Each structure stands twice: as C-alpha cells, then as structure tokens.
Amino acid sequence: MKITAPSTSPATPQKPRLQNTTSPVATTSPAADVSVTTHLQKTSGASATEAPFDSQRVAEIRQAIAEGRFQVNVGKIADRLIGDVRDFLAQDQSAI
C-alpha cells in the first residue's frame, strides 16, 4: 500500500502553520531553575502559614464578581508584583 500526501486544490488555501520558535526550558540555566524553585517553595510555604483558606471570603468575592461589584486595585497588584520581583532579585544576588 502506497501512502501519498493529500492533494490540495488551488481553490482551498492552506492555513499557515505556526512554529514554536521559543523554548523556555532550553533558554534557562539549571541555576535559574533551582533559584526559581527555591523561591516558590519559600513563598508558598509562607503564604500557607500566614493566610489560611477562607471559604467565606471566596464566596463573598465570587458573589461580588457575579453582581459586577468587584473592583480590582491594579495599583496594589502592581506594587506587590514589583516588590516581589525586587525581593527575588535581592535574594538571587545574595546567593552569588
């Protein structure tokens, strides 16, 4: 049995295929992987002991979202994100 490629007619255009040209795994160094993993382990352990899961609060937020009352404080999120990155970079520099 001979297997051939399917023929395409000129009337049906081919969709271009996207190629994955970036590979985050291939571009990171083993030291960076260990550093990120260590940071995530430290922060996940700290958050688990500092703030237990509050199902009542989750229900309140879910209800506020459903009713359209929930407002995201983007300034606070940005400030915390920048602070976390600074802390991470400071810890990374002290490890060198």
N, C-alpha and C. Protein backbone atom coordinates (compact mmCIF):
# COMPACT_ATOMS: atom_id res chain seq x y z
N MET A 1 0.85 -1.17 0.00
CA MET A 1 0.00 0.00 0.00
C MET A 1 0.89 1.23 0.00
N LYS A 2 0.65 2.13 -0.91
CA LYS A 2 1.44 3.33 -1.03
C LYS A 2 0.70 4.49 -0.36
N ILE A 3 1.41 5.22 0.50
CA ILE A 3 0.82 6.35 1.19
C ILE A 3 1.34 7.62 0.53
N THR A 4 0.45 8.45 0.08
CA THR A 4 0.84 9.70 -0.55
C THR A 4 0.26 10.87 0.22
N ALA A 5 0.86 12.02 0.04
CA ALA A 5 0.37 13.23 0.69
C ALA A 5 -0.95 13.62 0.05
N PRO A 6 -1.87 14.14 0.83
CA PRO A 6 -3.15 14.53 0.26
C PRO A 6 -2.96 15.68 -0.72
N SER A 7 -3.69 15.62 -1.79
CA SER A 7 -3.57 16.69 -2.78
C SER A 7 -4.45 17.85 -2.36
N THR A 8 -3.98 19.04 -2.65
CA THR A 8 -4.76 20.22 -2.34
C THR A 8 -5.10 20.92 -3.62
N SER A 9 -6.30 21.41 -3.69
CA SER A 9 -6.70 22.14 -4.89
C SER A 9 -6.36 23.61 -4.71
N PRO A 10 -6.11 24.33 -5.80
CA PRO A 10 -5.78 25.75 -5.69
C PRO A 10 -6.91 26.57 -5.09
N ALA A 11 -8.12 26.06 -5.11
CA ALA A 11 -9.27 26.81 -4.59
C ALA A 11 -9.29 26.85 -3.07
N THR A 12 -8.64 25.88 -2.41
CA THR A 12 -8.65 25.86 -0.95
C THR A 12 -7.30 26.30 -0.44
N PRO A 13 -7.20 27.52 0.11
CA PRO A 13 -5.90 27.99 0.60
C PRO A 13 -5.49 27.22 1.84
N GLN A 14 -4.20 27.02 1.98
CA GLN A 14 -3.65 26.35 3.15
C GLN A 14 -3.47 27.35 4.28
N LYS A 15 -3.80 26.95 5.48
CA LYS A 15 -3.54 27.79 6.65
C LYS A 15 -2.06 27.69 6.99
N PRO A 16 -1.42 28.82 7.28
CA PRO A 16 -0.01 28.74 7.65
C PRO A 16 0.14 28.04 9.00
N ARG A 17 1.14 27.24 9.11
CA ARG A 17 1.41 26.54 10.37
C ARG A 17 2.33 27.39 11.23
N LEU A 18 1.98 27.51 12.49
CA LEU A 18 2.81 28.26 13.41
C LEU A 18 3.87 27.34 13.98
N GLN A 19 5.07 27.87 14.06
CA GLN A 19 6.16 27.10 14.64
C GLN A 19 6.51 27.67 15.99
N ASN A 20 6.76 26.81 16.92
CA ASN A 20 7.19 27.24 18.24
C ASN A 20 8.68 27.50 18.18
N THR A 21 9.04 28.78 18.13
CA THR A 21 10.46 29.12 18.00
C THR A 21 11.13 29.38 19.33
N THR A 22 10.34 29.45 20.39
CA THR A 22 10.93 29.68 21.70
C THR A 22 10.68 28.48 22.58
N SER A 23 11.64 28.17 23.37
CA SER A 23 11.51 27.08 24.32
C SER A 23 12.03 27.57 25.66
N PRO A 24 11.10 27.88 26.61
CA PRO A 24 11.58 28.41 27.88
C PRO A 24 12.47 27.45 28.64
N VAL A 25 12.29 26.17 28.44
CA VAL A 25 13.11 25.20 29.14
C VAL A 25 14.54 25.25 28.63
N ALA A 26 14.68 25.40 27.32
CA ALA A 26 16.01 25.39 26.73
C ALA A 26 16.79 26.67 27.01
N THR A 27 16.09 27.78 27.31
CA THR A 27 16.78 29.04 27.49
C THR A 27 17.15 29.33 28.94
N THR A 28 16.67 28.54 29.89
CA THR A 28 17.01 28.80 31.29
C THR A 28 18.16 27.92 31.71
N SER A 29 18.93 28.45 32.62
CA SER A 29 20.05 27.67 33.13
C SER A 29 19.60 26.84 34.32
N PRO A 30 20.30 25.76 34.64
CA PRO A 30 19.93 24.97 35.81
C PRO A 30 19.95 25.78 37.10
N ALA A 31 20.88 26.75 37.19
CA ALA A 31 20.93 27.57 38.40
C ALA A 31 19.69 28.43 38.53
N ALA A 32 19.19 28.94 37.41
CA ALA A 32 17.98 29.75 37.43
C ALA A 32 16.78 28.90 37.82
N ASP A 33 16.71 27.66 37.33
CA ASP A 33 15.62 26.77 37.68
C ASP A 33 15.60 26.49 39.17
N VAL A 34 16.76 26.23 39.74
CA VAL A 34 16.86 25.96 41.17
C VAL A 34 16.46 27.19 41.97
N SER A 35 16.91 28.37 41.52
CA SER A 35 16.61 29.61 42.20
C SER A 35 15.11 29.87 42.21
N VAL A 36 14.45 29.70 41.07
CA VAL A 36 13.01 29.93 40.98
C VAL A 36 12.27 28.92 41.83
N THR A 37 12.68 27.66 41.76
CA THR A 37 12.04 26.63 42.55
C THR A 37 12.16 26.91 44.04
N THR A 38 13.34 27.31 44.48
CA THR A 38 13.55 27.63 45.88
C THR A 38 12.68 28.79 46.30
N HIS A 39 12.61 29.83 45.47
CA HIS A 39 11.77 30.99 45.78
C HIS A 39 10.30 30.59 45.90
N LEU A 40 9.82 29.77 44.96
CA LEU A 40 8.43 29.35 45.00
C LEU A 40 8.13 28.50 46.23
N GLN A 41 9.07 27.65 46.61
CA GLN A 41 8.86 26.82 47.80
C GLN A 41 8.78 27.69 49.04
N LYS A 42 9.65 28.70 49.13
CA LYS A 42 9.65 29.59 50.29
C LYS A 42 8.37 30.40 50.36
N THR A 43 7.96 30.95 49.23
CA THR A 43 6.76 31.80 49.25
C THR A 43 5.50 30.99 49.42
N SER A 44 5.42 29.80 48.85
CA SER A 44 4.21 29.00 49.02
C SER A 44 4.09 28.51 50.46
N GLY A 45 5.19 28.18 51.08
CA GLY A 45 5.16 27.75 52.46
C GLY A 45 4.78 28.89 53.39
N ALA A 46 5.29 30.08 53.11
CA ALA A 46 4.98 31.24 53.94
C ALA A 46 3.52 31.63 53.81
N SER A 47 2.99 31.62 52.59
CA SER A 47 1.61 32.03 52.41
C SER A 47 0.65 31.01 53.03
N ALA A 48 1.04 29.75 53.04
CA ALA A 48 0.18 28.73 53.63
C ALA A 48 0.08 28.91 55.14
N THR A 49 1.14 29.38 55.79
CA THR A 49 1.09 29.55 57.23
C THR A 49 0.52 30.91 57.62
N GLU A 50 0.67 31.91 56.76
CA GLU A 50 0.20 33.25 57.08
C GLU A 50 -1.29 33.44 56.82
N ALA A 51 -1.79 32.93 55.71
CA ALA A 51 -3.17 33.19 55.33
C ALA A 51 -3.88 31.88 55.00
N PRO A 52 -4.62 31.34 55.95
CA PRO A 52 -5.37 30.11 55.67
C PRO A 52 -6.49 30.39 54.68
N PHE A 53 -6.96 29.37 54.02
CA PHE A 53 -8.03 29.49 53.04
C PHE A 53 -9.32 29.90 53.75
N ASP A 54 -9.94 30.95 53.28
CA ASP A 54 -11.18 31.46 53.87
C ASP A 54 -12.31 31.27 52.87
N SER A 55 -13.06 30.19 53.01
CA SER A 55 -14.12 29.88 52.04
C SER A 55 -15.22 30.94 52.07
N GLN A 56 -15.46 31.55 53.22
CA GLN A 56 -16.47 32.61 53.31
C GLN A 56 -16.05 33.82 52.46
N ARG A 57 -14.78 34.19 52.54
CA ARG A 57 -14.27 35.33 51.76
C ARG A 57 -14.33 35.02 50.26
N VAL A 58 -14.00 33.79 49.89
CA VAL A 58 -14.08 33.39 48.49
C VAL A 58 -15.52 33.49 47.99
N ALA A 59 -16.47 33.07 48.79
CA ALA A 59 -17.88 33.15 48.41
C ALA A 59 -18.32 34.61 48.25
N GLU A 60 -17.84 35.50 49.13
CA GLU A 60 -18.18 36.92 49.03
C GLU A 60 -17.61 37.52 47.74
N ILE A 61 -16.37 37.19 47.42
CA ILE A 61 -15.75 37.70 46.20
C ILE A 61 -16.46 37.16 44.97
N ARG A 62 -16.78 35.87 44.99
CA ARG A 62 -17.49 35.26 43.87
C ARG A 62 -18.84 35.96 43.64
N GLN A 63 -19.55 36.25 44.73
CA GLN A 63 -20.85 36.93 44.63
C GLN A 63 -20.66 38.35 44.08
N ALA A 64 -19.64 39.06 44.55
CA ALA A 64 -19.37 40.42 44.07
C ALA A 64 -19.04 40.42 42.57
N ILE A 65 -18.30 39.42 42.11
CA ILE A 65 -17.99 39.32 40.69
C ILE A 65 -19.27 39.08 39.89
N ALA A 66 -20.10 38.16 40.38
CA ALA A 66 -21.35 37.85 39.69
C ALA A 66 -22.27 39.06 39.59
N GLU A 67 -22.25 39.90 40.61
CA GLU A 67 -23.11 41.09 40.63
C GLU A 67 -22.46 42.30 39.98
N GLY A 68 -21.18 42.18 39.58
CA GLY A 68 -20.50 43.29 38.94
C GLY A 68 -19.99 44.34 39.91
N ARG A 69 -19.88 44.00 41.18
CA ARG A 69 -19.42 44.95 42.20
C ARG A 69 -17.93 44.84 42.50
N PHE A 70 -17.30 43.78 42.03
CA PHE A 70 -15.90 43.54 42.38
C PHE A 70 -15.00 44.48 41.59
N GLN A 71 -14.12 45.18 42.28
CA GLN A 71 -13.20 46.10 41.63
C GLN A 71 -11.77 45.65 41.93
N VAL A 72 -10.96 45.63 40.89
CA VAL A 72 -9.57 45.21 41.02
C VAL A 72 -8.73 46.47 41.25
N ASN A 73 -7.90 46.44 42.27
CA ASN A 73 -7.00 47.55 42.56
C ASN A 73 -5.68 47.26 41.85
N VAL A 74 -5.57 47.75 40.61
CA VAL A 74 -4.39 47.44 39.79
C VAL A 74 -3.12 48.06 40.37
N GLY A 75 -3.24 49.19 41.04
CA GLY A 75 -2.07 49.82 41.66
C GLY A 75 -1.48 48.94 42.75
N LYS A 76 -2.35 48.37 43.56
CA LYS A 76 -1.89 47.49 44.64
C LYS A 76 -1.25 46.22 44.07
N ILE A 77 -1.85 45.66 43.03
CA ILE A 77 -1.29 44.46 42.40
C ILE A 77 0.09 44.77 41.82
N ALA A 78 0.20 45.90 41.13
CA ALA A 78 1.49 46.28 40.52
C ALA A 78 2.54 46.50 41.59
N ASP A 79 2.18 47.19 42.67
CA ASP A 79 3.13 47.44 43.76
C ASP A 79 3.62 46.14 44.38
N ARG A 80 2.71 45.20 44.62
CA ARG A 80 3.11 43.91 45.22
C ARG A 80 3.98 43.11 44.26
N LEU A 81 3.64 43.15 42.97
CA LEU A 81 4.43 42.43 41.97
C LEU A 81 5.84 42.99 41.89
N ILE A 82 5.96 44.29 41.86
CA ILE A 82 7.28 44.93 41.81
C ILE A 82 8.07 44.61 43.09
N GLY A 83 7.40 44.65 44.23
CA GLY A 83 8.06 44.32 45.49
C GLY A 83 8.55 42.88 45.52
N ASP A 84 7.73 41.96 45.02
CA ASP A 84 8.13 40.56 44.98
C ASP A 84 9.34 40.34 44.06
N VAL A 85 9.33 41.03 42.92
CA VAL A 85 10.46 40.91 41.99
C VAL A 85 11.73 41.47 42.63
N ARG A 86 11.61 42.61 43.31
CA ARG A 86 12.79 43.18 43.99
C ARG A 86 13.33 42.22 45.05
N ASP A 87 12.44 41.64 45.84
CA ASP A 87 12.86 40.67 46.85
C ASP A 87 13.55 39.47 46.21
N PHE A 88 12.96 38.98 45.13
CA PHE A 88 13.54 37.85 44.45
C PHE A 88 14.92 38.16 43.91
N LEU A 89 15.07 39.32 43.29
CA LEU A 89 16.37 39.72 42.74
C LEU A 89 17.40 39.93 43.86
N ALA A 90 16.96 40.48 44.99
CA ALA A 90 17.87 40.69 46.12
C ALA A 90 18.35 39.34 46.67
N GLN A 91 17.45 38.36 46.76
CA GLN A 91 17.83 37.04 47.24
C GLN A 91 18.75 36.36 46.23
N ASP A 92 18.48 36.56 44.95
CA ASP A 92 19.31 35.96 43.92
C ASP A 92 20.72 36.55 43.95
N GLN A 93 20.85 37.84 44.20
CA GLN A 93 22.17 38.50 44.27
C GLN A 93 22.95 38.05 45.51
N SER A 94 22.25 37.83 46.60
CA SER A 94 22.94 37.40 47.82
C SER A 94 23.41 35.95 47.72
N ALA A 95 22.81 35.17 46.83
CA ALA A 95 23.22 33.79 46.67
C ALA A 95 24.49 33.67 45.84
N ILE A 96 24.84 34.71 45.12
CA ILE A 96 26.03 34.65 44.25
C ILE A 96 27.30 34.80 45.02
